[in-house]
Amino acid sequence: VLSVLKTGAVCAFSKNAEGRLVPT
């Protein structure tokens, strides 16, 4: 989650097959 925390609202992320959170 540290990889996305400073993204401003509104945003969303889902975990991909490699275990990384990617924009959705």
PDBML (XML) file of the C-alpha atoms, coordinates in Angstrom:
<?xml version="1.0" encoding="UTF-8" ?>
<PDBx:datablock datablockName="MODEL"
   xmlns:PDBx="http://pdbml.pdb.org/schema/pdbx-v50.xsd"
   xmlns:xsi="http://www.w3.org/2001/XMLSchema-instance"
   xsi:schemaLocation="http://pdbml.pdb.org/schema/pdbx-v50.xsd pdbx-v50.xsd">
   <PDBx:atom_siteCategory>
      <PDBx:atom_site id="1">
         <PDBx:B_iso_or_equiv>0.00</PDBx:B_iso_or_equiv>
         <PDBx:Cartn_x>0.000</PDBx:Cartn_x>
         <PDBx:Cartn_y>0.000</PDBx:Cartn_y>
         <PDBx:Cartn_z>0.000</PDBx:Cartn_z>
         <PDBx:auth_asym_id>A</PDBx:auth_asym_id>
         <PDBx:auth_atom_id>CA</PDBx:auth_atom_id>
         <PDBx:auth_comp_id>VAL</PDBx:auth_comp_id>
         <PDBx:auth_seq_id>1</PDBx:auth_seq_id>
         <PDBx:group_PDB>ATOM</PDBx:group_PDB>
         <PDBx:label_alt_id xsi:nil="true" />
         <PDBx:label_asym_id>A</PDBx:label_asym_id>
         <PDBx:label_atom_id>CA</PDBx:label_atom_id>
         <PDBx:label_comp_id>VAL</PDBx:label_comp_id>
         <PDBx:label_entity_id>1</PDBx:label_entity_id>
         <PDBx:label_seq_id>1</PDBx:label_seq_id>
         <PDBx:occupancy>1.00</PDBx:occupancy>
         <PDBx:pdbx_PDB_model_num>1</PDBx:pdbx_PDB_model_num>
         <PDBx:type_symbol>C</PDBx:type_symbol>
      </PDBx:atom_site>
      <PDBx:atom_site id="2">
         <PDBx:B_iso_or_equiv>0.00</PDBx:B_iso_or_equiv>
         <PDBx:Cartn_x>2.990</PDBx:Cartn_x>
         <PDBx:Cartn_y>2.310</PDBx:Cartn_y>
         <PDBx:Cartn_z>0.435</PDBx:Cartn_z>
         <PDBx:auth_asym_id>A</PDBx:auth_asym_id>
         <PDBx:auth_atom_id>CA</PDBx:auth_atom_id>
         <PDBx:auth_comp_id>LEU</PDBx:auth_comp_id>
         <PDBx:auth_seq_id>2</PDBx:auth_seq_id>
         <PDBx:group_PDB>ATOM</PDBx:group_PDB>
         <PDBx:label_alt_id xsi:nil="true" />
         <PDBx:label_asym_id>A</PDBx:label_asym_id>
         <PDBx:label_atom_id>CA</PDBx:label_atom_id>
         <PDBx:label_comp_id>LEU</PDBx:label_comp_id>
         <PDBx:label_entity_id>1</PDBx:label_entity_id>
         <PDBx:label_seq_id>2</PDBx:label_seq_id>
         <PDBx:occupancy>1.00</PDBx:occupancy>
         <PDBx:pdbx_PDB_model_num>1</PDBx:pdbx_PDB_model_num>
         <PDBx:type_symbol>C</PDBx:type_symbol>
      </PDBx:atom_site>
      <PDBx:atom_site id="3">
         <PDBx:B_iso_or_equiv>0.00</PDBx:B_iso_or_equiv>
         <PDBx:Cartn_x>3.226</PDBx:Cartn_x>
         <PDBx:Cartn_y>2.390</PDBx:Cartn_y>
         <PDBx:Cartn_z>-3.360</PDBx:Cartn_z>
         <PDBx:auth_asym_id>A</PDBx:auth_asym_id>
         <PDBx:auth_atom_id>CA</PDBx:auth_atom_id>
         <PDBx:auth_comp_id>SER</PDBx:auth_comp_id>
         <PDBx:auth_seq_id>3</PDBx:auth_seq_id>
         <PDBx:group_PDB>ATOM</PDBx:group_PDB>
         <PDBx:label_alt_id xsi:nil="true" />
         <PDBx:label_asym_id>A</PDBx:label_asym_id>
         <PDBx:label_atom_id>CA</PDBx:label_atom_id>
         <PDBx:label_comp_id>SER</PDBx:label_comp_id>
         <PDBx:label_entity_id>1</PDBx:label_entity_id>
         <PDBx:label_seq_id>3</PDBx:label_seq_id>
         <PDBx:occupancy>1.00</PDBx:occupancy>
         <PDBx:pdbx_PDB_model_num>1</PDBx:pdbx_PDB_model_num>
         <PDBx:type_symbol>C</PDBx:type_symbol>
      </PDBx:atom_site>
      <PDBx:atom_site id="4">
         <PDBx:B_iso_or_equiv>0.00</PDBx:B_iso_or_equiv>
         <PDBx:Cartn_x>-0.091</PDBx:Cartn_x>
         <PDBx:Cartn_y>4.235</PDBx:Cartn_y>
         <PDBx:Cartn_z>-3.731</PDBx:Cartn_z>
         <PDBx:auth_asym_id>A</PDBx:auth_asym_id>
         <PDBx:auth_atom_id>CA</PDBx:auth_atom_id>
         <PDBx:auth_comp_id>VAL</PDBx:auth_comp_id>
         <PDBx:auth_seq_id>4</PDBx:auth_seq_id>
         <PDBx:group_PDB>ATOM</PDBx:group_PDB>
         <PDBx:label_alt_id xsi:nil="true" />
         <PDBx:label_asym_id>A</PDBx:label_asym_id>
         <PDBx:label_atom_id>CA</PDBx:label_atom_id>
         <PDBx:label_comp_id>VAL</PDBx:label_comp_id>
         <PDBx:label_entity_id>1</PDBx:label_entity_id>
         <PDBx:label_seq_id>4</PDBx:label_seq_id>
         <PDBx:occupancy>1.00</PDBx:occupancy>
         <PDBx:pdbx_PDB_model_num>1</PDBx:pdbx_PDB_model_num>
         <PDBx:type_symbol>C</PDBx:type_symbol>
      </PDBx:atom_site>
      <PDBx:atom_site id="5">
         <PDBx:B_iso_or_equiv>0.00</PDBx:B_iso_or_equiv>
         <PDBx:Cartn_x>-0.773</PDBx:Cartn_x>
         <PDBx:Cartn_y>6.155</PDBx:Cartn_y>
         <PDBx:Cartn_z>-0.533</PDBx:Cartn_z>
         <PDBx:auth_asym_id>A</PDBx:auth_asym_id>
         <PDBx:auth_atom_id>CA</PDBx:auth_atom_id>
         <PDBx:auth_comp_id>LEU</PDBx:auth_comp_id>
         <PDBx:auth_seq_id>5</PDBx:auth_seq_id>
         <PDBx:group_PDB>ATOM</PDBx:group_PDB>
         <PDBx:label_alt_id xsi:nil="true" />
         <PDBx:label_asym_id>A</PDBx:label_asym_id>
         <PDBx:label_atom_id>CA</PDBx:label_atom_id>
         <PDBx:label_comp_id>LEU</PDBx:label_comp_id>
         <PDBx:label_entity_id>1</PDBx:label_entity_id>
         <PDBx:label_seq_id>5</PDBx:label_seq_id>
         <PDBx:occupancy>1.00</PDBx:occupancy>
         <PDBx:pdbx_PDB_model_num>1</PDBx:pdbx_PDB_model_num>
         <PDBx:type_symbol>C</PDBx:type_symbol>
      </PDBx:atom_site>
      <PDBx:atom_site id="6">
         <PDBx:B_iso_or_equiv>0.00</PDBx:B_iso_or_equiv>
         <PDBx:Cartn_x>-0.024</PDBx:Cartn_x>
         <PDBx:Cartn_y>9.640</PDBx:Cartn_y>
         <PDBx:Cartn_z>-1.817</PDBx:Cartn_z>
         <PDBx:auth_asym_id>A</PDBx:auth_asym_id>
         <PDBx:auth_atom_id>CA</PDBx:auth_atom_id>
         <PDBx:auth_comp_id>LYS</PDBx:auth_comp_id>
         <PDBx:auth_seq_id>6</PDBx:auth_seq_id>
         <PDBx:group_PDB>ATOM</PDBx:group_PDB>
         <PDBx:label_alt_id xsi:nil="true" />
         <PDBx:label_asym_id>A</PDBx:label_asym_id>
         <PDBx:label_atom_id>CA</PDBx:label_atom_id>
         <PDBx:label_comp_id>LYS</PDBx:label_comp_id>
         <PDBx:label_entity_id>1</PDBx:label_entity_id>
         <PDBx:label_seq_id>6</PDBx:label_seq_id>
         <PDBx:occupancy>1.00</PDBx:occupancy>
         <PDBx:pdbx_PDB_model_num>1</PDBx:pdbx_PDB_model_num>
         <PDBx:type_symbol>C</PDBx:type_symbol>
      </PDBx:atom_site>
      <PDBx:atom_site id="7">
         <PDBx:B_iso_or_equiv>0.00</PDBx:B_iso_or_equiv>
         <PDBx:Cartn_x>-2.369</PDBx:Cartn_x>
         <PDBx:Cartn_y>9.358</PDBx:Cartn_y>
         <PDBx:Cartn_z>-4.779</PDBx:Cartn_z>
         <PDBx:auth_asym_id>A</PDBx:auth_asym_id>
         <PDBx:auth_atom_id>CA</PDBx:auth_atom_id>
         <PDBx:auth_comp_id>THR</PDBx:auth_comp_id>
         <PDBx:auth_seq_id>7</PDBx:auth_seq_id>
         <PDBx:group_PDB>ATOM</PDBx:group_PDB>
         <PDBx:label_alt_id xsi:nil="true" />
         <PDBx:label_asym_id>A</PDBx:label_asym_id>
         <PDBx:label_atom_id>CA</PDBx:label_atom_id>
         <PDBx:label_comp_id>THR</PDBx:label_comp_id>
         <PDBx:label_entity_id>1</PDBx:label_entity_id>
         <PDBx:label_seq_id>7</PDBx:label_seq_id>
         <PDBx:occupancy>1.00</PDBx:occupancy>
         <PDBx:pdbx_PDB_model_num>1</PDBx:pdbx_PDB_model_num>
         <PDBx:type_symbol>C</PDBx:type_symbol>
      </PDBx:atom_site>
      <PDBx:atom_site id="8">
         <PDBx:B_iso_or_equiv>0.00</PDBx:B_iso_or_equiv>
         <PDBx:Cartn_x>-5.105</PDBx:Cartn_x>
         <PDBx:Cartn_y>11.953</PDBx:Cartn_y>
         <PDBx:Cartn_z>-4.369</PDBx:Cartn_z>
         <PDBx:auth_asym_id>A</PDBx:auth_asym_id>
         <PDBx:auth_atom_id>CA</PDBx:auth_atom_id>
         <PDBx:auth_comp_id>GLY</PDBx:auth_comp_id>
         <PDBx:auth_seq_id>8</PDBx:auth_seq_id>
         <PDBx:group_PDB>ATOM</PDBx:group_PDB>
         <PDBx:label_alt_id xsi:nil="true" />
         <PDBx:label_asym_id>A</PDBx:label_asym_id>
         <PDBx:label_atom_id>CA</PDBx:label_atom_id>
         <PDBx:label_comp_id>GLY</PDBx:label_comp_id>
         <PDBx:label_entity_id>1</PDBx:label_entity_id>
         <PDBx:label_seq_id>8</PDBx:label_seq_id>
         <PDBx:occupancy>1.00</PDBx:occupancy>
         <PDBx:pdbx_PDB_model_num>1</PDBx:pdbx_PDB_model_num>
         <PDBx:type_symbol>C</PDBx:type_symbol>
      </PDBx:atom_site>
      <PDBx:atom_site id="9">
         <PDBx:B_iso_or_equiv>0.00</PDBx:B_iso_or_equiv>
         <PDBx:Cartn_x>-8.821</PDBx:Cartn_x>
         <PDBx:Cartn_y>11.293</PDBx:Cartn_y>
         <PDBx:Cartn_z>-4.087</PDBx:Cartn_z>
         <PDBx:auth_asym_id>A</PDBx:auth_asym_id>
         <PDBx:auth_atom_id>CA</PDBx:auth_atom_id>
         <PDBx:auth_comp_id>ALA</PDBx:auth_comp_id>
         <PDBx:auth_seq_id>9</PDBx:auth_seq_id>
         <PDBx:group_PDB>ATOM</PDBx:group_PDB>
         <PDBx:label_alt_id xsi:nil="true" />
         <PDBx:label_asym_id>A</PDBx:label_asym_id>
         <PDBx:label_atom_id>CA</PDBx:label_atom_id>
         <PDBx:label_comp_id>ALA</PDBx:label_comp_id>
         <PDBx:label_entity_id>1</PDBx:label_entity_id>
         <PDBx:label_seq_id>9</PDBx:label_seq_id>
         <PDBx:occupancy>1.00</PDBx:occupancy>
         <PDBx:pdbx_PDB_model_num>1</PDBx:pdbx_PDB_model_num>
         <PDBx:type_symbol>C</PDBx:type_symbol>
      </PDBx:atom_site>
      <PDBx:atom_site id="10">
         <PDBx:B_iso_or_equiv>0.00</PDBx:B_iso_or_equiv>
         <PDBx:Cartn_x>-10.707</PDBx:Cartn_x>
         <PDBx:Cartn_y>9.920</PDBx:Cartn_y>
         <PDBx:Cartn_z>-5.917</PDBx:Cartn_z>
         <PDBx:auth_asym_id>A</PDBx:auth_asym_id>
         <PDBx:auth_atom_id>CA</PDBx:auth_atom_id>
         <PDBx:auth_comp_id>VAL</PDBx:auth_comp_id>
         <PDBx:auth_seq_id>10</PDBx:auth_seq_id>
         <PDBx:group_PDB>ATOM</PDBx:group_PDB>
         <PDBx:label_alt_id xsi:nil="true" />
         <PDBx:label_asym_id>A</PDBx:label_asym_id>
         <PDBx:label_atom_id>CA</PDBx:label_atom_id>
         <PDBx:label_comp_id>VAL</PDBx:label_comp_id>
         <PDBx:label_entity_id>1</PDBx:label_entity_id>
         <PDBx:label_seq_id>10</PDBx:label_seq_id>
         <PDBx:occupancy>1.00</PDBx:occupancy>
         <PDBx:pdbx_PDB_model_num>1</PDBx:pdbx_PDB_model_num>
         <PDBx:type_symbol>C</PDBx:type_symbol>
      </PDBx:atom_site>
      <PDBx:atom_site id="11">
         <PDBx:B_iso_or_equiv>0.00</PDBx:B_iso_or_equiv>
         <PDBx:Cartn_x>-8.682</PDBx:Cartn_x>
         <PDBx:Cartn_y>6.853</PDBx:Cartn_y>
         <PDBx:Cartn_z>-6.902</PDBx:Cartn_z>
         <PDBx:auth_asym_id>A</PDBx:auth_asym_id>
         <PDBx:auth_atom_id>CA</PDBx:auth_atom_id>
         <PDBx:auth_comp_id>CYS</PDBx:auth_comp_id>
         <PDBx:auth_seq_id>11</PDBx:auth_seq_id>
         <PDBx:group_PDB>ATOM</PDBx:group_PDB>
         <PDBx:label_alt_id xsi:nil="true" />
         <PDBx:label_asym_id>A</PDBx:label_asym_id>
         <PDBx:label_atom_id>CA</PDBx:label_atom_id>
         <PDBx:label_comp_id>CYS</PDBx:label_comp_id>
         <PDBx:label_entity_id>1</PDBx:label_entity_id>
         <PDBx:label_seq_id>11</PDBx:label_seq_id>
         <PDBx:occupancy>1.00</PDBx:occupancy>
         <PDBx:pdbx_PDB_model_num>1</PDBx:pdbx_PDB_model_num>
         <PDBx:type_symbol>C</PDBx:type_symbol>
      </PDBx:atom_site>
      <PDBx:atom_site id="12">
         <PDBx:B_iso_or_equiv>0.00</PDBx:B_iso_or_equiv>
         <PDBx:Cartn_x>-8.797</PDBx:Cartn_x>
         <PDBx:Cartn_y>3.064</PDBx:Cartn_y>
         <PDBx:Cartn_z>-6.704</PDBx:Cartn_z>
         <PDBx:auth_asym_id>A</PDBx:auth_asym_id>
         <PDBx:auth_atom_id>CA</PDBx:auth_atom_id>
         <PDBx:auth_comp_id>ALA</PDBx:auth_comp_id>
         <PDBx:auth_seq_id>12</PDBx:auth_seq_id>
         <PDBx:group_PDB>ATOM</PDBx:group_PDB>
         <PDBx:label_alt_id xsi:nil="true" />
         <PDBx:label_asym_id>A</PDBx:label_asym_id>
         <PDBx:label_atom_id>CA</PDBx:label_atom_id>
         <PDBx:label_comp_id>ALA</PDBx:label_comp_id>
         <PDBx:label_entity_id>1</PDBx:label_entity_id>
         <PDBx:label_seq_id>12</PDBx:label_seq_id>
         <PDBx:occupancy>1.00</PDBx:occupancy>
         <PDBx:pdbx_PDB_model_num>1</PDBx:pdbx_PDB_model_num>
         <PDBx:type_symbol>C</PDBx:type_symbol>
      </PDBx:atom_site>
      <PDBx:atom_site id="13">
         <PDBx:B_iso_or_equiv>0.00</PDBx:B_iso_or_equiv>
         <PDBx:Cartn_x>-6.322</PDBx:Cartn_x>
         <PDBx:Cartn_y>0.200</PDBx:Cartn_y>
         <PDBx:Cartn_z>-7.016</PDBx:Cartn_z>
         <PDBx:auth_asym_id>A</PDBx:auth_asym_id>
         <PDBx:auth_atom_id>CA</PDBx:auth_atom_id>
         <PDBx:auth_comp_id>PHE</PDBx:auth_comp_id>
         <PDBx:auth_seq_id>13</PDBx:auth_seq_id>
         <PDBx:group_PDB>ATOM</PDBx:group_PDB>
         <PDBx:label_alt_id xsi:nil="true" />
         <PDBx:label_asym_id>A</PDBx:label_asym_id>
         <PDBx:label_atom_id>CA</PDBx:label_atom_id>
         <PDBx:label_comp_id>PHE</PDBx:label_comp_id>
         <PDBx:label_entity_id>1</PDBx:label_entity_id>
         <PDBx:label_seq_id>13</PDBx:label_seq_id>
         <PDBx:occupancy>1.00</PDBx:occupancy>
         <PDBx:pdbx_PDB_model_num>1</PDBx:pdbx_PDB_model_num>
         <PDBx:type_symbol>C</PDBx:type_symbol>
      </PDBx:atom_site>
      <PDBx:atom_site id="14">
         <PDBx:B_iso_or_equiv>0.00</PDBx:B_iso_or_equiv>
         <PDBx:Cartn_x>-6.581</PDBx:Cartn_x>
         <PDBx:Cartn_y>-3.564</PDBx:Cartn_y>
         <PDBx:Cartn_z>-7.329</PDBx:Cartn_z>
         <PDBx:auth_asym_id>A</PDBx:auth_asym_id>
         <PDBx:auth_atom_id>CA</PDBx:auth_atom_id>
         <PDBx:auth_comp_id>SER</PDBx:auth_comp_id>
         <PDBx:auth_seq_id>14</PDBx:auth_seq_id>
         <PDBx:group_PDB>ATOM</PDBx:group_PDB>
         <PDBx:label_alt_id xsi:nil="true" />
         <PDBx:label_asym_id>A</PDBx:label_asym_id>
         <PDBx:label_atom_id>CA</PDBx:label_atom_id>
         <PDBx:label_comp_id>SER</PDBx:label_comp_id>
         <PDBx:label_entity_id>1</PDBx:label_entity_id>
         <PDBx:label_seq_id>14</PDBx:label_seq_id>
         <PDBx:occupancy>1.00</PDBx:occupancy>
         <PDBx:pdbx_PDB_model_num>1</PDBx:pdbx_PDB_model_num>
         <PDBx:type_symbol>C</PDBx:type_symbol>
      </PDBx:atom_site>
      <PDBx:atom_site id="15">
         <PDBx:B_iso_or_equiv>0.00</PDBx:B_iso_or_equiv>
         <PDBx:Cartn_x>-3.885</PDBx:Cartn_x>
         <PDBx:Cartn_y>-6.211</PDBx:Cartn_y>
         <PDBx:Cartn_z>-6.883</PDBx:Cartn_z>
         <PDBx:auth_asym_id>A</PDBx:auth_asym_id>
         <PDBx:auth_atom_id>CA</PDBx:auth_atom_id>
         <PDBx:auth_comp_id>LYS</PDBx:auth_comp_id>
         <PDBx:auth_seq_id>15</PDBx:auth_seq_id>
         <PDBx:group_PDB>ATOM</PDBx:group_PDB>
         <PDBx:label_alt_id xsi:nil="true" />
         <PDBx:label_asym_id>A</PDBx:label_asym_id>
         <PDBx:label_atom_id>CA</PDBx:label_atom_id>
         <PDBx:label_comp_id>LYS</PDBx:label_comp_id>
         <PDBx:label_entity_id>1</PDBx:label_entity_id>
         <PDBx:label_seq_id>15</PDBx:label_seq_id>
         <PDBx:occupancy>1.00</PDBx:occupancy>
         <PDBx:pdbx_PDB_model_num>1</PDBx:pdbx_PDB_model_num>
         <PDBx:type_symbol>C</PDBx:type_symbol>
      </PDBx:atom_site>
      <PDBx:atom_site id="16">
         <PDBx:B_iso_or_equiv>0.00</PDBx:B_iso_or_equiv>
         <PDBx:Cartn_x>-2.627</PDBx:Cartn_x>
         <PDBx:Cartn_y>-7.803</PDBx:Cartn_y>
         <PDBx:Cartn_z>-10.088</PDBx:Cartn_z>
         <PDBx:auth_asym_id>A</PDBx:auth_asym_id>
         <PDBx:auth_atom_id>CA</PDBx:auth_atom_id>
         <PDBx:auth_comp_id>ASN</PDBx:auth_comp_id>
         <PDBx:auth_seq_id>16</PDBx:auth_seq_id>
         <PDBx:group_PDB>ATOM</PDBx:group_PDB>
         <PDBx:label_alt_id xsi:nil="true" />
         <PDBx:label_asym_id>A</PDBx:label_asym_id>
         <PDBx:label_atom_id>CA</PDBx:label_atom_id>
         <PDBx:label_comp_id>ASN</PDBx:label_comp_id>
         <PDBx:label_entity_id>1</PDBx:label_entity_id>
         <PDBx:label_seq_id>16</PDBx:label_seq_id>
         <PDBx:occupancy>1.00</PDBx:occupancy>
         <PDBx:pdbx_PDB_model_num>1</PDBx:pdbx_PDB_model_num>
         <PDBx:type_symbol>C</PDBx:type_symbol>
      </PDBx:atom_site>
      <PDBx:atom_site id="17">
         <PDBx:B_iso_or_equiv>0.00</PDBx:B_iso_or_equiv>
         <PDBx:Cartn_x>-1.159</PDBx:Cartn_x>
         <PDBx:Cartn_y>-11.289</PDBx:Cartn_y>
         <PDBx:Cartn_z>-10.596</PDBx:Cartn_z>
         <PDBx:auth_asym_id>A</PDBx:auth_asym_id>
         <PDBx:auth_atom_id>CA</PDBx:auth_atom_id>
         <PDBx:auth_comp_id>ALA</PDBx:auth_comp_id>
         <PDBx:auth_seq_id>17</PDBx:auth_seq_id>
         <PDBx:group_PDB>ATOM</PDBx:group_PDB>
         <PDBx:label_alt_id xsi:nil="true" />
         <PDBx:label_asym_id>A</PDBx:label_asym_id>
         <PDBx:label_atom_id>CA</PDBx:label_atom_id>
         <PDBx:label_comp_id>ALA</PDBx:label_comp_id>
         <PDBx:label_entity_id>1</PDBx:label_entity_id>
         <PDBx:label_seq_id>17</PDBx:label_seq_id>
         <PDBx:occupancy>1.00</PDBx:occupancy>
         <PDBx:pdbx_PDB_model_num>1</PDBx:pdbx_PDB_model_num>
         <PDBx:type_symbol>C</PDBx:type_symbol>
      </PDBx:atom_site>
      <PDBx:atom_site id="18">
         <PDBx:B_iso_or_equiv>0.00</PDBx:B_iso_or_equiv>
         <PDBx:Cartn_x>2.289</PDBx:Cartn_x>
         <PDBx:Cartn_y>-10.017</PDBx:Cartn_y>
         <PDBx:Cartn_z>-9.640</PDBx:Cartn_z>
         <PDBx:auth_asym_id>A</PDBx:auth_asym_id>
         <PDBx:auth_atom_id>CA</PDBx:auth_atom_id>
         <PDBx:auth_comp_id>GLU</PDBx:auth_comp_id>
         <PDBx:auth_seq_id>18</PDBx:auth_seq_id>
         <PDBx:group_PDB>ATOM</PDBx:group_PDB>
         <PDBx:label_alt_id xsi:nil="true" />
         <PDBx:label_asym_id>A</PDBx:label_asym_id>
         <PDBx:label_atom_id>CA</PDBx:label_atom_id>
         <PDBx:label_comp_id>GLU</PDBx:label_comp_id>
         <PDBx:label_entity_id>1</PDBx:label_entity_id>
         <PDBx:label_seq_id>18</PDBx:label_seq_id>
         <PDBx:occupancy>1.00</PDBx:occupancy>
         <PDBx:pdbx_PDB_model_num>1</PDBx:pdbx_PDB_model_num>
         <PDBx:type_symbol>C</PDBx:type_symbol>
      </PDBx:atom_site>
      <PDBx:atom_site id="19">
         <PDBx:B_iso_or_equiv>0.00</PDBx:B_iso_or_equiv>
         <PDBx:Cartn_x>0.998</PDBx:Cartn_x>
         <PDBx:Cartn_y>-8.731</PDBx:Cartn_y>
         <PDBx:Cartn_z>-6.316</PDBx:Cartn_z>
         <PDBx:auth_asym_id>A</PDBx:auth_asym_id>
         <PDBx:auth_atom_id>CA</PDBx:auth_atom_id>
         <PDBx:auth_comp_id>GLY</PDBx:auth_comp_id>
         <PDBx:auth_seq_id>19</PDBx:auth_seq_id>
         <PDBx:group_PDB>ATOM</PDBx:group_PDB>
         <PDBx:label_alt_id xsi:nil="true" />
         <PDBx:label_asym_id>A</PDBx:label_asym_id>
         <PDBx:label_atom_id>CA</PDBx:label_atom_id>
         <PDBx:label_comp_id>GLY</PDBx:label_comp_id>
         <PDBx:label_entity_id>1</PDBx:label_entity_id>
         <PDBx:label_seq_id>19</PDBx:label_seq_id>
         <PDBx:occupancy>1.00</PDBx:occupancy>
         <PDBx:pdbx_PDB_model_num>1</PDBx:pdbx_PDB_model_num>
         <PDBx:type_symbol>C</PDBx:type_symbol>
      </PDBx:atom_site>
      <PDBx:atom_site id="20">
         <PDBx:B_iso_or_equiv>0.00</PDBx:B_iso_or_equiv>
         <PDBx:Cartn_x>1.225</PDBx:Cartn_x>
         <PDBx:Cartn_y>-5.056</PDBx:Cartn_y>
         <PDBx:Cartn_z>-7.282</PDBx:Cartn_z>
         <PDBx:auth_asym_id>A</PDBx:auth_asym_id>
         <PDBx:auth_atom_id>CA</PDBx:auth_atom_id>
         <PDBx:auth_comp_id>ARG</PDBx:auth_comp_id>
         <PDBx:auth_seq_id>20</PDBx:auth_seq_id>
         <PDBx:group_PDB>ATOM</PDBx:group_PDB>
         <PDBx:label_alt_id xsi:nil="true" />
         <PDBx:label_asym_id>A</PDBx:label_asym_id>
         <PDBx:label_atom_id>CA</PDBx:label_atom_id>
         <PDBx:label_comp_id>ARG</PDBx:label_comp_id>
         <PDBx:label_entity_id>1</PDBx:label_entity_id>
         <PDBx:label_seq_id>20</PDBx:label_seq_id>
         <PDBx:occupancy>1.00</PDBx:occupancy>
         <PDBx:pdbx_PDB_model_num>1</PDBx:pdbx_PDB_model_num>
         <PDBx:type_symbol>C</PDBx:type_symbol>
      </PDBx:atom_site>
      <PDBx:atom_site id="21">
         <PDBx:B_iso_or_equiv>0.00</PDBx:B_iso_or_equiv>
         <PDBx:Cartn_x>-1.533</PDBx:Cartn_x>
         <PDBx:Cartn_y>-2.506</PDBx:Cartn_y>
         <PDBx:Cartn_z>-6.784</PDBx:Cartn_z>
         <PDBx:auth_asym_id>A</PDBx:auth_asym_id>
         <PDBx:auth_atom_id>CA</PDBx:auth_atom_id>
         <PDBx:auth_comp_id>LEU</PDBx:auth_comp_id>
         <PDBx:auth_seq_id>21</PDBx:auth_seq_id>
         <PDBx:group_PDB>ATOM</PDBx:group_PDB>
         <PDBx:label_alt_id xsi:nil="true" />
         <PDBx:label_asym_id>A</PDBx:label_asym_id>
         <PDBx:label_atom_id>CA</PDBx:label_atom_id>
         <PDBx:label_comp_id>LEU</PDBx:label_comp_id>
         <PDBx:label_entity_id>1</PDBx:label_entity_id>
         <PDBx:label_seq_id>21</PDBx:label_seq_id>
         <PDBx:occupancy>1.00</PDBx:occupancy>
         <PDBx:pdbx_PDB_model_num>1</PDBx:pdbx_PDB_model_num>
         <PDBx:type_symbol>C</PDBx:type_symbol>
      </PDBx:atom_site>
      <PDBx:atom_site id="22">
         <PDBx:B_iso_or_equiv>0.00</PDBx:B_iso_or_equiv>
         <PDBx:Cartn_x>-2.497</PDBx:Cartn_x>
         <PDBx:Cartn_y>-1.043</PDBx:Cartn_y>
         <PDBx:Cartn_z>-10.147</PDBx:Cartn_z>
         <PDBx:auth_asym_id>A</PDBx:auth_asym_id>
         <PDBx:auth_atom_id>CA</PDBx:auth_atom_id>
         <PDBx:auth_comp_id>VAL</PDBx:auth_comp_id>
         <PDBx:auth_seq_id>22</PDBx:auth_seq_id>
         <PDBx:group_PDB>ATOM</PDBx:group_PDB>
         <PDBx:label_alt_id xsi:nil="true" />
         <PDBx:label_asym_id>A</PDBx:label_asym_id>
         <PDBx:label_atom_id>CA</PDBx:label_atom_id>
         <PDBx:label_comp_id>VAL</PDBx:label_comp_id>
         <PDBx:label_entity_id>1</PDBx:label_entity_id>
         <PDBx:label_seq_id>22</PDBx:label_seq_id>
         <PDBx:occupancy>1.00</PDBx:occupancy>
         <PDBx:pdbx_PDB_model_num>1</PDBx:pdbx_PDB_model_num>
         <PDBx:type_symbol>C</PDBx:type_symbol>
      </PDBx:atom_site>
      <PDBx:atom_site id="23">
         <PDBx:B_iso_or_equiv>0.00</PDBx:B_iso_or_equiv>
         <PDBx:Cartn_x>-5.000</PDBx:Cartn_x>
         <PDBx:Cartn_y>1.725</PDBx:Cartn_y>
         <PDBx:Cartn_z>-11.030</PDBx:Cartn_z>
         <PDBx:auth_asym_id>A</PDBx:auth_asym_id>
         <PDBx:auth_atom_id>CA</PDBx:auth_atom_id>
         <PDBx:auth_comp_id>PRO</PDBx:auth_comp_id>
         <PDBx:auth_seq_id>23</PDBx:auth_seq_id>
         <PDBx:group_PDB>ATOM</PDBx:group_PDB>
         <PDBx:label_alt_id xsi:nil="true" />
         <PDBx:label_asym_id>A</PDBx:label_asym_id>
         <PDBx:label_atom_id>CA</PDBx:label_atom_id>
         <PDBx:label_comp_id>PRO</PDBx:label_comp_id>
         <PDBx:label_entity_id>1</PDBx:label_entity_id>
         <PDBx:label_seq_id>23</PDBx:label_seq_id>
         <PDBx:occupancy>1.00</PDBx:occupancy>
         <PDBx:pdbx_PDB_model_num>1</PDBx:pdbx_PDB_model_num>
         <PDBx:type_symbol>C</PDBx:type_symbol>
      </PDBx:atom_site>
      <PDBx:atom_site id="24">
         <PDBx:B_iso_or_equiv>0.00</PDBx:B_iso_or_equiv>
         <PDBx:Cartn_x>-8.572</PDBx:Cartn_x>
         <PDBx:Cartn_y>0.647</PDBx:Cartn_y>
         <PDBx:Cartn_z>-11.640</PDBx:Cartn_z>
         <PDBx:auth_asym_id>A</PDBx:auth_asym_id>
         <PDBx:auth_atom_id>CA</PDBx:auth_atom_id>
         <PDBx:auth_comp_id>THR</PDBx:auth_comp_id>
         <PDBx:auth_seq_id>24</PDBx:auth_seq_id>
         <PDBx:group_PDB>ATOM</PDBx:group_PDB>
         <PDBx:label_alt_id xsi:nil="true" />
         <PDBx:label_asym_id>A</PDBx:label_asym_id>
         <PDBx:label_atom_id>CA</PDBx:label_atom_id>
         <PDBx:label_comp_id>THR</PDBx:label_comp_id>
         <PDBx:label_entity_id>1</PDBx:label_entity_id>
         <PDBx:label_seq_id>24</PDBx:label_seq_id>
         <PDBx:occupancy>1.00</PDBx:occupancy>
         <PDBx:pdbx_PDB_model_num>1</PDBx:pdbx_PDB_model_num>
         <PDBx:type_symbol>C</PDBx:type_symbol>
      </PDBx:atom_site>
   </PDBx:atom_siteCategory>
</PDBx:datablock>
